[in-house]
Amino acid sequence: MLWLTWVGSGWLGFNRDDRIAIQFCGTKKSLATGLPMATVLFAGQPVGLIVLPLMIFHLTQLIACGVLAGRYARQWEAKQ
């Protein structure tokens, strides 16, 4: 999704700063929206085990975005 939001926003003509914002904001909804939906869909079941893959995916997203943020910061500092 990180790649798709970057390429898609470029294809739509957004500038670099907007593409970075789209990339970060467009991919962070997995745990925030997935957990309440899982609670409703799997009512009466151990939701913790069901959403464990989603929690791991969300953690992986946050780590990847941390790496990207550092990269973008270094590129910005090099331009200044």
PDB file of N, CA and C in Angstrom:
ATOM      1  N   MET A   1       0.819  -1.198   0.000  1.00  0.00           N
ATOM      2  CA  MET A   1       0.000   0.000   0.000  1.00  0.00           C
ATOM      3  C   MET A   1       0.861   1.260   0.000  1.00  0.00           C
ATOM      4  N   LEU A   2       2.021   1.183   0.651  1.00  0.00           N
ATOM      5  CA  LEU A   2       2.908   2.343   0.637  1.00  0.00           C
ATOM      6  C   LEU A   2       3.330   2.677  -0.789  1.00  0.00           C
ATOM      7  N   TRP A   3       3.666   1.658  -1.528  1.00  0.00           N
ATOM      8  CA  TRP A   3       4.074   1.863  -2.923  1.00  0.00           C
ATOM      9  C   TRP A   3       2.893   2.372  -3.748  1.00  0.00           C
ATOM     10  N   LEU A   4       1.724   1.766  -3.561  1.00  0.00           N
ATOM     11  CA  LEU A   4       0.550   2.142  -4.339  1.00  0.00           C
ATOM     12  C   LEU A   4       0.137   3.588  -4.080  1.00  0.00           C
ATOM     13  N   THR A   5       0.170   4.023  -2.820  1.00  0.00           N
ATOM     14  CA  THR A   5      -0.204   5.410  -2.541  1.00  0.00           C
ATOM     15  C   THR A   5       0.824   6.388  -3.107  1.00  0.00           C
ATOM     16  N   TRP A   6       2.101   5.994  -3.116  1.00  0.00           N
ATOM     17  CA  TRP A   6       3.139   6.869  -3.689  1.00  0.00           C
ATOM     18  C   TRP A   6       2.975   6.987  -5.203  1.00  0.00           C
ATOM     19  N   VAL A   7       2.841   5.858  -5.866  1.00  0.00           N
ATOM     20  CA  VAL A   7       2.722   5.860  -7.330  1.00  0.00           C
ATOM     21  C   VAL A   7       1.392   6.471  -7.763  1.00  0.00           C
ATOM     22  N   GLY A   8       0.322   6.109  -7.079  1.00  0.00           N
ATOM     23  CA  GLY A   8      -0.997   6.639  -7.434  1.00  0.00           C
ATOM     24  C   GLY A   8      -1.090   8.146  -7.283  1.00  0.00           C
ATOM     25  N   SER A   9      -0.519   8.682  -6.207  1.00  0.00           N
ATOM     26  CA  SER A   9      -0.564  10.132  -6.021  1.00  0.00           C
ATOM     27  C   SER A   9       0.316  10.846  -7.045  1.00  0.00           C
ATOM     28  N   GLY A  10       1.403  10.221  -7.462  1.00  0.00           N
ATOM     29  CA  GLY A  10       2.226  10.799  -8.526  1.00  0.00           C
ATOM     30  C   GLY A  10       1.493  10.795  -9.848  1.00  0.00           C
ATOM     31  N   TRP A  11       0.784   9.713 -10.104  1.00  0.00           N
ATOM     32  CA  TRP A  11       0.016   9.598 -11.342  1.00  0.00           C
ATOM     33  C   TRP A  11      -1.097  10.647 -11.394  1.00  0.00           C
ATOM     34  N   LEU A  12      -1.633  10.996 -10.225  1.00  0.00           N
ATOM     35  CA  LEU A  12      -2.688  12.009 -10.155  1.00  0.00           C
ATOM     36  C   LEU A  12      -2.144  13.436 -10.182  1.00  0.00           C
ATOM     37  N   GLY A  13      -0.814  13.585 -10.166  1.00  0.00           N
ATOM     38  CA  GLY A  13      -0.210  14.900 -10.326  1.00  0.00           C
ATOM     39  C   GLY A  13       0.082  15.663  -9.052  1.00  0.00           C
ATOM     40  N   PHE A  14       0.082  15.015  -7.913  1.00  0.00           N
ATOM     41  CA  PHE A  14       0.391  15.710  -6.667  1.00  0.00           C
ATOM     42  C   PHE A  14       1.881  16.009  -6.574  1.00  0.00           C
ATOM     43  N   ASN A  15       2.235  17.091  -5.878  1.00  0.00           N
ATOM     44  CA  ASN A  15       3.654  17.411  -5.695  1.00  0.00           C
ATOM     45  C   ASN A  15       4.253  16.498  -4.625  1.00  0.00           C
ATOM     46  N   ARG A  16       5.563  16.560  -4.443  1.00  0.00           N
ATOM     47  CA  ARG A  16       6.269  15.637  -3.559  1.00  0.00           C
ATOM     48  C   ARG A  16       5.787  15.722  -2.118  1.00  0.00           C
ATOM     49  N   ASP A  17       5.605  16.930  -1.594  1.00  0.00           N
ATOM     50  CA  ASP A  17       5.151  17.084  -0.205  1.00  0.00           C
ATOM     51  C   ASP A  17       3.776  16.465   0.015  1.00  0.00           C
ATOM     52  N   ASP A  18       2.870  16.693  -0.932  1.00  0.00           N
ATOM     53  CA  ASP A  18       1.537  16.106  -0.827  1.00  0.00           C
ATOM     54  C   ASP A  18       1.583  14.589  -0.969  1.00  0.00           C
ATOM     55  N   ARG A  19       2.467  14.094  -1.821  1.00  0.00           N
ATOM     56  CA  ARG A  19       2.598  12.647  -1.989  1.00  0.00           C
ATOM     57  C   ARG A  19       3.073  11.979  -0.704  1.00  0.00           C
ATOM     58  N   ILE A  20       3.977  12.640   0.021  1.00  0.00           N
ATOM     59  CA  ILE A  20       4.447  12.093   1.294  1.00  0.00           C
ATOM     60  C   ILE A  20       3.289  12.049   2.293  1.00  0.00           C
ATOM     61  N   ALA A  21       2.512  13.112   2.362  1.00  0.00           N
ATOM     62  CA  ALA A  21       1.362  13.139   3.277  1.00  0.00           C
ATOM     63  C   ALA A  21       0.346  12.061   2.902  1.00  0.00           C
ATOM     64  N   ILE A  22       0.079  11.902   1.622  1.00  0.00           N
ATOM     65  CA  ILE A  22      -0.855  10.871   1.168  1.00  0.00           C
ATOM     66  C   ILE A  22      -0.325   9.487   1.514  1.00  0.00           C
ATOM     67  N   GLN A  23       0.956   9.292   1.323  1.00  0.00           N
ATOM     68  CA  GLN A  23       1.551   7.987   1.606  1.00  0.00           C
ATOM     69  C   GLN A  23       1.417   7.614   3.080  1.00  0.00           C
ATOM     70  N   PHE A  24       1.683   8.551   3.971  1.00  0.00           N
ATOM     71  CA  PHE A  24       1.600   8.239   5.393  1.00  0.00           C
ATOM     72  C   PHE A  24       0.156   8.152   5.876  1.00  0.00           C
ATOM     73  N   CYS A  25      -0.680   9.085   5.483  1.00  0.00           N
ATOM     74  CA  CYS A  25      -2.056   9.119   5.987  1.00  0.00           C
ATOM     75  C   CYS A  25      -2.939   8.065   5.329  1.00  0.00           C
ATOM     76  N   GLY A  26      -2.631   7.704   4.112  1.00  0.00           N
ATOM     77  CA  GLY A  26      -3.477   6.754   3.390  1.00  0.00           C
ATOM     78  C   GLY A  26      -3.281   5.312   3.775  1.00  0.00           C
ATOM     79  N   THR A  27      -2.274   5.000   4.575  1.00  0.00           N
ATOM     80  CA  THR A  27      -1.994   3.599   4.881  1.00  0.00           C
ATOM     81  C   THR A  27      -2.119   3.256   6.356  1.00  0.00           C
ATOM     82  N   LYS A  28      -2.510   4.159   7.202  1.00  0.00           N
ATOM     83  CA  LYS A  28      -2.509   3.897   8.645  1.00  0.00           C
ATOM     84  C   LYS A  28      -3.873   3.557   9.212  1.00  0.00           C
ATOM     85  N   LYS A  29      -4.775   3.115   8.428  1.00  0.00           N
ATOM     86  CA  LYS A  29      -6.132   2.890   8.910  1.00  0.00           C
ATOM     87  C   LYS A  29      -6.412   1.426   9.271  1.00  0.00           C
ATOM     88  N   SER A  30      -5.457   0.541   9.100  1.00  0.00           N
ATOM     89  CA  SER A  30      -5.724  -0.887   9.245  1.00  0.00           C
ATOM     90  C   SER A  30      -6.176  -1.282  10.648  1.00  0.00           C
ATOM     91  N   LEU A  31      -5.441  -0.915  11.671  1.00  0.00           N
ATOM     92  CA  LEU A  31      -5.794  -1.319  13.032  1.00  0.00           C
ATOM     93  C   LEU A  31      -6.946  -0.482  13.571  1.00  0.00           C
ATOM     94  N   ALA A  32      -6.955   0.794  13.265  1.00  0.00           N
ATOM     95  CA  ALA A  32      -7.997   1.684  13.780  1.00  0.00           C
ATOM     96  C   ALA A  32      -9.382   1.302  13.265  1.00  0.00           C
ATOM     97  N   THR A  33      -9.475   0.848  12.043  1.00  0.00           N
ATOM     98  CA  THR A  33     -10.780   0.450  11.510  1.00  0.00           C
ATOM     99  C   THR A  33     -11.013  -1.045  11.604  1.00  0.00           C
ATOM    100  N   GLY A  34      -9.954  -1.823  11.579  1.00  0.00           N
ATOM    101  CA  GLY A  34     -10.106  -3.271  11.581  1.00  0.00           C
ATOM    102  C   GLY A  34     -10.545  -3.853  12.910  1.00  0.00           C
ATOM    103  N   LEU A  35     -10.051  -3.309  13.999  1.00  0.00           N
ATOM    104  CA  LEU A  35     -10.385  -3.867  15.315  1.00  0.00           C
ATOM    105  C   LEU A  35     -11.871  -3.714  15.662  1.00  0.00           C
ATOM    106  N   PRO A  36     -12.471  -2.535  15.495  1.00  0.00           N
ATOM    107  CA  PRO A  36     -13.913  -2.449  15.769  1.00  0.00           C
ATOM    108  C   PRO A  36     -14.754  -3.338  14.846  1.00  0.00           C
ATOM    109  N   MET A  37     -14.343  -3.436  13.576  1.00  0.00           N
ATOM    110  CA  MET A  37     -15.086  -4.308  12.661  1.00  0.00           C
ATOM    111  C   MET A  37     -14.959  -5.770  13.078  1.00  0.00           C
ATOM    112  N   ALA A  38     -13.763  -6.183  13.505  1.00  0.00           N
ATOM    113  CA  ALA A  38     -13.561  -7.562  13.944  1.00  0.00           C
ATOM    114  C   ALA A  38     -14.385  -7.857  15.186  1.00  0.00           C
ATOM    115  N   THR A  39     -14.503  -6.885  16.091  1.00  0.00           N
ATOM    116  CA  THR A  39     -15.298  -7.073  17.302  1.00  0.00           C
ATOM    117  C   THR A  39     -16.760  -7.325  16.954  1.00  0.00           C
ATOM    118  N   VAL A  40     -17.254  -6.619  15.954  1.00  0.00           N
ATOM    119  CA  VAL A  40     -18.643  -6.808  15.530  1.00  0.00           C
ATOM    120  C   VAL A  40     -18.804  -8.112  14.744  1.00  0.00           C
ATOM    121  N   LEU A  41     -17.901  -8.372  13.816  1.00  0.00           N
ATOM    122  CA  LEU A  41     -18.015  -9.561  12.968  1.00  0.00           C
ATOM    123  C   LEU A  41     -17.832 -10.863  13.744  1.00  0.00           C
ATOM    124  N   PHE A  42     -16.944 -10.847  14.706  1.00  0.00           N
ATOM    125  CA  PHE A  42     -16.633 -12.062  15.451  1.00  0.00           C
ATOM    126  C   PHE A  42     -17.100 -11.961  16.898  1.00  0.00           C
ATOM    127  N   ALA A  43     -18.285 -11.446  17.108  1.00  0.00           N
ATOM    128  CA  ALA A  43     -18.833 -11.281  18.464  1.00  0.00           C
ATOM    129  C   ALA A  43     -18.914 -12.643  19.149  1.00  0.00           C
ATOM    130  N   GLY A  44     -18.472 -12.672  20.397  1.00  0.00           N
ATOM    131  CA  GLY A  44     -18.522 -13.904  21.166  1.00  0.00           C
ATOM    132  C   GLY A  44     -17.332 -14.820  20.951  1.00  0.00           C
ATOM    133  N   GLN A  45     -16.385 -14.411  20.145  1.00  0.00           N
ATOM    134  CA  GLN A  45     -15.203 -15.224  19.875  1.00  0.00           C
ATOM    135  C   GLN A  45     -13.968 -14.502  20.412  1.00  0.00           C
ATOM    136  N   PRO A  46     -12.871 -15.227  20.584  1.00  0.00           N
ATOM    137  CA  PRO A  46     -11.637 -14.576  21.071  1.00  0.00           C
ATOM    138  C   PRO A  46     -11.043 -13.665  19.993  1.00  0.00           C
ATOM    139  N   VAL A  47     -11.427 -12.415  20.024  1.00  0.00           N
ATOM    140  CA  VAL A  47     -11.029 -11.463  18.985  1.00  0.00           C
ATOM    141  C   VAL A  47      -9.517 -11.238  18.992  1.00  0.00           C
ATOM    142  N   GLY A  48      -8.884 -11.358  20.154  1.00  0.00           N
ATOM    143  CA  GLY A  48      -7.440 -11.124  20.239  1.00  0.00           C
ATOM    144  C   GLY A  48      -6.644 -12.006  19.292  1.00  0.00           C
ATOM    145  N   LEU A  49      -6.982 -13.279  19.240  1.00  0.00           N
ATOM    146  CA  LEU A  49      -6.266 -14.187  18.338  1.00  0.00           C
ATOM    147  C   LEU A  49      -6.622 -13.938  16.879  1.00  0.00           C
ATOM    148  N   ILE A  50      -7.842 -13.517  16.639  1.00  0.00           N
ATOM    149  CA  ILE A  50      -8.278 -13.275  15.264  1.00  0.00           C
ATOM    150  C   ILE A  50      -7.570 -12.057  14.679  1.00  0.00           C
ATOM    151  N   VAL A  51      -7.367 -11.016  15.481  1.00  0.00           N
ATOM    152  CA  VAL A  51      -6.770  -9.782  14.961  1.00  0.00           C
ATOM    153  C   VAL A  51      -5.249  -9.752  15.123  1.00  0.00           C
ATOM    154  N   LEU A  52      -4.650 -10.803  15.640  1.00  0.00           N
ATOM    155  CA  LEU A  52      -3.195 -10.825  15.794  1.00  0.00           C
ATOM    156  C   LEU A  52      -2.461 -10.561  14.479  1.00  0.00           C
ATOM    157  N   PRO A  53      -2.853 -11.191  13.358  1.00  0.00           N
ATOM    158  CA  PRO A  53      -2.175 -10.858  12.094  1.00  0.00           C
ATOM    159  C   PRO A  53      -2.326  -9.384  11.714  1.00  0.00           C
ATOM    160  N   LEU A  54      -3.477  -8.799  11.992  1.00  0.00           N
ATOM    161  CA  LEU A  54      -3.690  -7.377  11.718  1.00  0.00           C
ATOM    162  C   LEU A  54      -2.780  -6.515  12.577  1.00  0.00           C
ATOM    163  N   MET A  55      -2.583  -6.896  13.823  1.00  0.00           N
ATOM    164  CA  MET A  55      -1.705  -6.138  14.709  1.00  0.00           C
ATOM    165  C   MET A  55      -0.252  -6.229  14.250  1.00  0.00           C
ATOM    166  N   ILE A  56       0.158  -7.395  13.789  1.00  0.00           N
ATOM    167  CA  ILE A  56       1.522  -7.556  13.266  1.00  0.00           C
ATOM    168  C   ILE A  56       1.698  -6.741  11.998  1.00  0.00           C
ATOM    169  N   PHE A  57       0.694  -6.750  11.118  1.00  0.00           N
ATOM    170  CA  PHE A  57       0.742  -5.959   9.894  1.00  0.00           C
ATOM    171  C   PHE A  57       0.854  -4.474  10.217  1.00  0.00           C
ATOM    172  N   HIS A  58       0.074  -4.005  11.191  1.00  0.00           N
ATOM    173  CA  HIS A  58       0.100  -2.595  11.565  1.00  0.00           C
ATOM    174  C   HIS A  58       1.475  -2.203  12.115  1.00  0.00           C
ATOM    175  N   LEU A  59       2.063  -3.054  12.937  1.00  0.00           N
ATOM    176  CA  LEU A  59       3.399  -2.794  13.462  1.00  0.00           C
ATOM    177  C   LEU A  59       4.424  -2.725  12.328  1.00  0.00           C
ATOM    178  N   THR A  60       4.310  -3.617  11.364  1.00  0.00           N
ATOM    179  CA  THR A  60       5.210  -3.603  10.209  1.00  0.00           C
ATOM    180  C   THR A  60       5.060  -2.312   9.422  1.00  0.00           C
ATOM    181  N   GLN A  61       3.818  -1.843   9.266  1.00  0.00           N
ATOM    182  CA  GLN A  61       3.573  -0.568   8.588  1.00  0.00           C
ATOM    183  C   GLN A  61       4.264   0.583   9.314  1.00  0.00           C
ATOM    184  N   LEU A  62       4.143   0.621  10.629  1.00  0.00           N
ATOM    185  CA  LEU A  62       4.734   1.703  11.402  1.00  0.00           C
ATOM    186  C   LEU A  62       6.258   1.691  11.293  1.00  0.00           C
ATOM    187  N   ILE A  63       6.857   0.522  11.308  1.00  0.00           N
ATOM    188  CA  ILE A  63       8.313   0.424  11.173  1.00  0.00           C
ATOM    189  C   ILE A  63       8.735   0.888   9.785  1.00  0.00           C
ATOM    190  N   ALA A  64       8.030   0.436   8.750  1.00  0.00           N
ATOM    191  CA  ALA A  64       8.359   0.848   7.383  1.00  0.00           C
ATOM    192  C   ALA A  64       8.213   2.358   7.219  1.00  0.00           C
ATOM    193  N   CYS A  65       7.183   2.945   7.806  1.00  0.00           N
ATOM    194  CA  CYS A  65       6.994   4.393   7.707  1.00  0.00           C
ATOM    195  C   CYS A  65       8.054   5.149   8.489  1.00  0.00           C
ATOM    196  N   GLY A  66       8.541   4.579   9.580  1.00  0.00           N
ATOM    197  CA  GLY A  66       9.643   5.203  10.308  1.00  0.00           C
ATOM    198  C   GLY A  66      10.897   5.269   9.458  1.00  0.00           C
ATOM    199  N   VAL A  67      11.171   4.199   8.731  1.00  0.00           N
ATOM    200  CA  VAL A  67      12.319   4.173   7.824  1.00  0.00           C
ATOM    201  C   VAL A  67      12.129   5.197   6.707  1.00  0.00           C
ATOM    202  N   LEU A  68      10.930   5.231   6.133  1.00  0.00           N
ATOM    203  CA  LEU A  68      10.655   6.200   5.062  1.00  0.00           C
ATOM    204  C   LEU A  68      10.759   7.638   5.571  1.00  0.00           C
ATOM    205  N   ALA A  69      10.256   7.904   6.766  1.00  0.00           N
ATOM    206  CA  ALA A  69      10.318   9.263   7.313  1.00  0.00           C
ATOM    207  C   ALA A  69      11.770   9.703   7.488  1.00  0.00           C
ATOM    208  N   GLY A  70      12.619   8.809   7.963  1.00  0.00           N
ATOM    209  CA  GLY A  70      14.041   9.136   8.087  1.00  0.00           C
ATOM    210  C   GLY A  70      14.675   9.425   6.742  1.00  0.00           C
ATOM    211  N   ARG A  71      14.301   8.636   5.756  1.00  0.00           N
ATOM    212  CA  ARG A  71      14.827   8.846   4.396  1.00  0.00           C
ATOM    213  C   ARG A  71      14.376  10.188   3.834  1.00  0.00           C
ATOM    214  N   TYR A  72      13.081  10.480   3.987  1.00  0.00           N
ATOM    215  CA  TYR A  72      12.570  11.757   3.491  1.00  0.00           C
ATOM    216  C   TYR A  72      13.216  12.929   4.223  1.00  0.00           C
ATOM    217  N   ALA A  73      13.467  12.784   5.514  1.00  0.00           N
ATOM    218  CA  ALA A  73      14.113  13.858   6.295  1.00  0.00           C
ATOM    219  C   ALA A  73      15.537  14.104   5.805  1.00  0.00           C
ATOM    220  N   ARG A  74      16.279  13.024   5.538  1.00  0.00           N
ATOM    221  CA  ARG A  74      17.649  13.181   5.028  1.00  0.00           C
ATOM    222  C   ARG A  74      17.648  13.843   3.654  1.00  0.00           C
ATOM    223  N   GLN A  75      16.700  13.471   2.799  1.00  0.00           N
ATOM    224  CA  GLN A  75      16.621  14.092   1.472  1.00  0.00           C
ATOM    225  C   GLN A  75      16.282  15.576   1.598  1.00  0.00           C
ATOM    226  N   TRP A  76      15.386  15.929   2.508  1.00  0.00           N
ATOM    227  CA  TRP A  76      15.010  17.320   2.700  1.00  0.00           C
ATOM    228  C   TRP A  76      16.183  18.123   3.222  1.00  0.00           C
ATOM    229  N   GLU A  77      16.930  17.554   4.193  1.00  0.00           N
ATOM    230  CA  GLU A  77      18.099  18.253   4.749  1.00  0.00           C
ATOM    231  C   GLU A  77      19.173  18.444   3.691  1.00  0.00           C
ATOM    232  N   ALA A  78      19.335  17.491   2.802  1.00  0.00           N
ATOM    233  CA  ALA A  78      20.338  17.609   1.753  1.00  0.00           C
ATOM    234  C   ALA A  78      19.974  18.733   0.771  1.00  0.00           C
ATOM    235  N   LYS A  79      18.678  18.954   0.579  1.00  0.00           N
ATOM    236  CA  LYS A  79      18.246  20.036  -0.315  1.00  0.00           C
ATOM    237  C   LYS A  79      18.439  21.404   0.306  1.00  0.00           C
ATOM    238  N   GLN A  80      18.360  21.471   1.647  1.00  0.00           N
ATOM    239  CA  GLN A  80      18.441  22.773   2.325  1.00  0.00           C
ATOM    240  C   GLN A  80      19.844  23.250   2.386  1.00  0.00           C
TER     241      GLN A  80
END
